């Protein structure tokens, strides 16, 4: 079966090249990281593992679809016709070019999506709770990570953010649906607050840099991997 999948994929790549598409790995080059594409919000981790997945399980976001064509049955990502140059320009907007990035670190997002869907079911007719669940789902599919999921994986929570001055407490919340903390200039490199939905999100591609900033010793294994 794997040989058949490989052969079908190879033939599709060949046909696509003739039509003016460029396979993503060819576009990036053999030794270049997908980090800039993830940090620019063009790629996100897929929902679940797949036996024949490529690109370390990353797939295009809605924004990425402007530049990329994803073919699920062939597990292929192609740069669209005429989009190579615009994509190169878009990647120059990488917000953190020197940030550590390891494609294998990010996990599938099914658990996060399930959490957002559960929030939606439990929201009933509460408009704010409905909007909150929708905002969470939308941002997860755009490559963001719910900070609660970060805490579950690393054991590092809001108290650590405050201790390391990545956030600071708010003396008086602006409204009932505001967080009880706000980002410092340093914390804004890694995190974003979704107001007024009381959500704290890790920016796309910044999960490992945040882990490194909060616990250099514990994150060292991942950060020094080749």
Protein backbone atom coordinates (compact mmCIF):
# COMPACT_ATOMS: atom_id res chain seq x y z
CA UNK A 1 0.00 0.00 0.00
CA UNK A 2 2.76 2.46 0.90
CA UNK A 3 4.41 1.89 -2.50
CA UNK A 4 1.11 2.64 -4.25
CA UNK A 5 0.64 5.82 -2.24
CA UNK A 6 4.18 6.96 -3.00
CA UNK A 7 3.76 6.25 -6.72
CA UNK A 8 0.40 8.06 -6.94
CA UNK A 9 1.85 11.02 -5.07
CA UNK A 10 4.90 11.16 -7.33
CA UNK A 11 2.79 11.13 -10.48
CA UNK A 12 0.64 13.94 -9.07
CA UNK A 13 3.74 16.01 -8.31
CA UNK A 14 4.95 15.51 -11.86
CA UNK A 15 1.61 16.58 -13.35
CA UNK A 16 1.40 19.56 -11.02
CA UNK A 17 4.86 20.77 -12.01
CA UNK A 18 3.78 20.68 -15.65
CA UNK A 19 0.79 22.84 -14.69
CA UNK A 20 2.93 25.46 -12.96
CA UNK A 21 2.62 24.34 -9.34
CA UNK A 22 5.58 23.88 -7.01
CA UNK A 23 5.68 21.22 -4.32
CA UNK A 24 6.17 22.75 -0.86
CA UNK A 25 9.38 20.87 -0.03
CA UNK A 26 10.87 21.99 -3.34
CA UNK A 27 9.87 25.56 -2.57
CA UNK A 28 11.40 25.50 0.91
CA UNK A 29 14.57 23.68 -0.05
CA UNK A 30 16.03 20.63 1.62
CA UNK A 31 17.37 22.23 4.78
CA UNK A 32 14.97 25.12 5.32
CA UNK A 33 12.52 25.15 8.22
CA UNK A 34 8.77 25.53 7.98
CA UNK A 35 8.99 27.86 10.98
CA UNK A 36 8.48 31.10 9.01
CA UNK A 37 5.35 29.69 7.36
CA UNK A 38 3.94 28.60 10.72
CA UNK A 39 4.77 31.89 12.47
CA UNK A 40 3.21 33.82 9.58
CA UNK A 41 0.01 31.85 10.11
CA UNK A 42 0.14 29.96 6.80
CA UNK A 43 0.51 26.43 8.20
CA UNK A 44 -0.97 24.72 11.26
CA UNK A 45 -0.76 21.29 12.79
CA UNK A 46 -3.37 18.87 11.48
CA UNK A 47 -6.20 17.50 13.61
CA UNK A 48 -4.96 13.91 13.81
CA UNK A 49 -2.01 11.77 12.82
CA UNK A 50 -2.13 10.11 9.40
CA UNK A 51 -0.11 7.11 8.32
CA UNK A 52 1.00 8.73 5.06
CA UNK A 53 1.20 12.35 6.20
CA UNK A 54 4.02 14.60 5.03
CA UNK A 55 5.36 17.97 6.18
CA UNK A 56 5.50 16.71 9.78
CA UNK A 57 1.72 16.85 9.90
CA UNK A 58 1.31 20.51 8.98
CA UNK A 59 -1.47 21.66 6.63
CA UNK A 60 -2.43 25.10 5.28
CA UNK A 61 -4.56 27.50 7.31
CA UNK A 62 -7.34 29.52 5.70
CA UNK A 63 -4.80 32.31 5.18
CA UNK A 64 -2.32 29.83 3.77
CA UNK A 65 -4.86 28.70 1.18
CA UNK A 66 -4.23 31.96 -0.67
CA UNK A 67 -0.77 30.65 -1.53
CA UNK A 68 -1.04 26.89 -1.09
CA UNK A 69 -3.14 24.03 -2.45
CA UNK A 70 -3.62 21.06 -0.14
CA UNK A 71 -4.54 17.71 -1.71
CA UNK A 72 -5.61 15.50 1.23
CA UNK A 73 -5.86 12.17 -0.60
CA UNK A 74 -2.27 12.53 -1.85
CA UNK A 75 -1.01 14.28 1.30
CA UNK A 76 0.48 16.98 -0.88
CA UNK A 77 0.89 20.72 -0.42
CA UNK A 78 1.61 22.70 -3.56
CA UNK A 79 2.46 26.36 -4.02
CA UNK A 80 -0.19 27.73 -6.34
CA UNK A 81 0.57 28.95 -9.83
CA UNK A 82 2.16 32.39 -9.76
CA UNK A 83 2.27 32.48 -5.95
CA UNK A 84 5.93 31.62 -5.33
CA UNK A 85 7.14 35.24 -5.43
CA UNK A 86 4.23 36.61 -3.33
CA UNK A 87 4.81 33.81 -0.82
CA UNK A 88 8.49 34.72 -0.51
CA UNK A 89 7.45 38.32 0.18
CA UNK A 90 4.86 37.21 2.74
CA UNK A 91 7.49 35.19 4.62
CA UNK A 92 9.58 38.32 5.04
CA UNK A 93 6.96 39.33 7.63
CA UNK A 94 8.09 36.52 9.94
CA UNK A 95 7.53 38.05 13.40
CA UNK A 96 10.34 36.05 15.05
CA UNK A 97 12.96 34.93 12.48
CA UNK A 98 15.43 33.72 15.11
CA UNK A 99 12.91 31.82 17.26
CA UNK A 100 13.61 28.15 17.86
CA UNK A 101 11.30 25.92 15.82
CA UNK A 102 11.08 22.14 15.65
CA UNK A 103 8.48 20.71 13.29
CA UNK A 104 8.18 17.54 15.36
CA UNK A 105 7.30 19.36 18.60
CA UNK A 106 3.75 20.47 17.82
CA UNK A 107 0.96 17.97 18.48
CA UNK A 108 -2.25 17.28 16.52
CA UNK A 109 -5.01 19.69 17.46
CA UNK A 110 -7.99 17.32 17.70
CA UNK A 111 -8.13 17.61 21.49
CA UNK A 112 -8.23 21.41 21.28
CA UNK A 113 -10.93 21.36 18.61
CA UNK A 114 -12.97 18.96 20.73
CA UNK A 115 -12.68 21.36 23.67
CA UNK A 116 -13.95 24.27 21.57
CA UNK A 117 -16.83 22.17 20.26
CA UNK A 118 -17.71 21.07 23.79
CA UNK A 119 -17.73 24.71 24.89
CA UNK A 120 -20.13 25.45 22.05
CA UNK A 121 -22.50 22.64 23.05
CA UNK A 122 -22.48 23.75 26.69
CA UNK A 123 -23.01 27.41 25.79
CA UNK A 124 -26.73 26.97 25.35
CA UNK A 125 -28.23 30.32 24.32
CA UNK A 126 -25.55 32.42 26.02
CA UNK A 127 -24.34 34.63 23.15
CA UNK A 128 -21.00 35.46 24.78
CA UNK A 129 -20.19 31.81 25.48
CA UNK A 130 -21.15 30.89 21.92
CA UNK A 131 -18.89 33.61 20.53
CA UNK A 132 -16.10 32.56 22.89
CA UNK A 133 -16.19 28.97 21.65
CA UNK A 134 -16.26 30.15 18.04
CA UNK A 135 -13.31 32.48 18.58
CA UNK A 136 -11.35 29.67 20.21
CA UNK A 137 -12.04 27.28 17.34
CA UNK A 138 -11.23 29.88 14.69
CA UNK A 139 -7.90 30.76 16.25
CA UNK A 140 -6.92 27.12 16.79
CA UNK A 141 -7.51 26.49 13.09
CA UNK A 142 -5.38 29.56 12.34
CA UNK A 143 -2.43 28.04 14.19
CA UNK A 144 -2.85 29.47 17.70
CA UNK A 145 -2.61 27.34 20.85
CA UNK A 146 -4.92 27.72 23.83
CA UNK A 147 -2.66 28.54 26.79
CA UNK A 148 -4.52 25.93 28.84
CA UNK A 149 -3.27 23.28 26.41
CA UNK A 150 0.24 24.67 26.79
CA UNK A 151 -0.08 24.36 30.56
CA UNK A 152 -1.37 20.80 30.30
CA UNK A 153 1.65 19.79 28.23
CA UNK A 154 4.41 21.69 30.05
CA UNK A 155 3.06 22.14 33.56
CA UNK A 156 3.68 25.89 33.29
CA UNK A 157 0.71 28.11 34.03
CA UNK A 158 -0.31 31.71 34.61
CA UNK A 159 1.59 31.91 37.90
CA UNK A 160 4.82 31.28 35.99
CA UNK A 161 3.88 33.96 33.47
CA UNK A 162 3.47 36.44 36.31
CA UNK A 163 6.66 35.37 38.07
CA UNK A 164 8.71 35.74 34.89
CA UNK A 165 7.03 39.07 34.08
CA UNK A 166 5.56 37.86 30.82
CA UNK A 167 2.24 39.06 32.23
CA UNK A 168 1.21 41.39 35.00
CA UNK A 169 -1.92 41.42 37.16
CA UNK A 170 -4.70 43.84 36.37
CA UNK A 171 -5.85 45.89 39.34
CA UNK A 172 -9.28 46.47 37.86
CA UNK A 173 -10.67 44.54 34.93
CA UNK A 174 -12.05 46.65 32.09
CA UNK A 175 -15.21 44.53 31.94
CA UNK A 176 -16.64 41.26 33.25
CA UNK A 177 -15.21 39.23 30.37
CA UNK A 178 -11.66 40.55 30.59
CA UNK A 179 -8.72 38.50 31.85
CA UNK A 180 -7.31 39.31 35.28
CA UNK A 181 -3.87 39.79 33.73
CA UNK A 182 -2.36 41.65 30.82
CA UNK A 183 0.68 40.99 28.66
CA UNK A 184 3.96 42.75 29.16
CA UNK A 185 6.02 43.81 26.15
CA UNK A 186 8.09 40.64 26.53
CA UNK A 187 5.05 38.41 26.90
CA UNK A 188 3.47 39.88 23.76
CA UNK A 189 6.25 38.23 21.76
CA UNK A 190 4.74 34.85 22.57
CA UNK A 191 1.12 35.40 23.54
CA UNK A 192 -2.01 37.24 22.54
CA UNK A 193 -5.19 38.04 24.47
CA UNK A 194 -8.55 37.61 22.77
CA UNK A 195 -10.72 40.31 24.25
CA UNK A 196 -13.58 40.27 25.21
CA UNK A 197 -13.61 36.47 25.15
CA UNK A 198 -11.34 35.88 28.14
CA UNK A 199 -8.91 33.74 26.16
CA UNK A 200 -5.12 33.63 26.35
CA UNK A 201 -3.50 32.13 23.25
CA UNK A 202 0.05 31.23 22.29
CA UNK A 203 0.91 32.76 18.92
CA UNK A 204 1.49 30.44 15.93
CA UNK A 205 4.87 28.73 16.09
CA UNK A 206 5.74 30.25 19.47
CA UNK A 207 4.90 27.32 21.75
CA UNK A 208 8.49 26.06 21.95
CA UNK A 209 10.07 29.55 22.27
CA UNK A 210 7.64 30.26 25.14
CA UNK A 211 8.53 26.94 26.76
CA UNK A 212 12.22 27.84 26.43
CA UNK A 213 11.66 31.29 27.93
CA UNK A 214 9.71 29.89 30.89
CA UNK A 215 11.82 26.82 31.65
CA UNK A 216 15.16 26.64 29.78
CA UNK A 217 16.24 23.46 31.54
CA UNK A 218 13.06 21.49 30.97
CA UNK A 219 12.79 22.59 27.32
CA UNK A 220 16.44 21.99 26.50
CA UNK A 221 15.84 18.51 25.08
CA UNK A 222 13.51 19.87 22.39
CA UNK A 223 15.46 23.05 21.72
CA UNK A 224 18.77 21.31 21.02
CA UNK A 225 17.37 18.56 18.81
CA UNK A 226 18.88 18.75 15.29
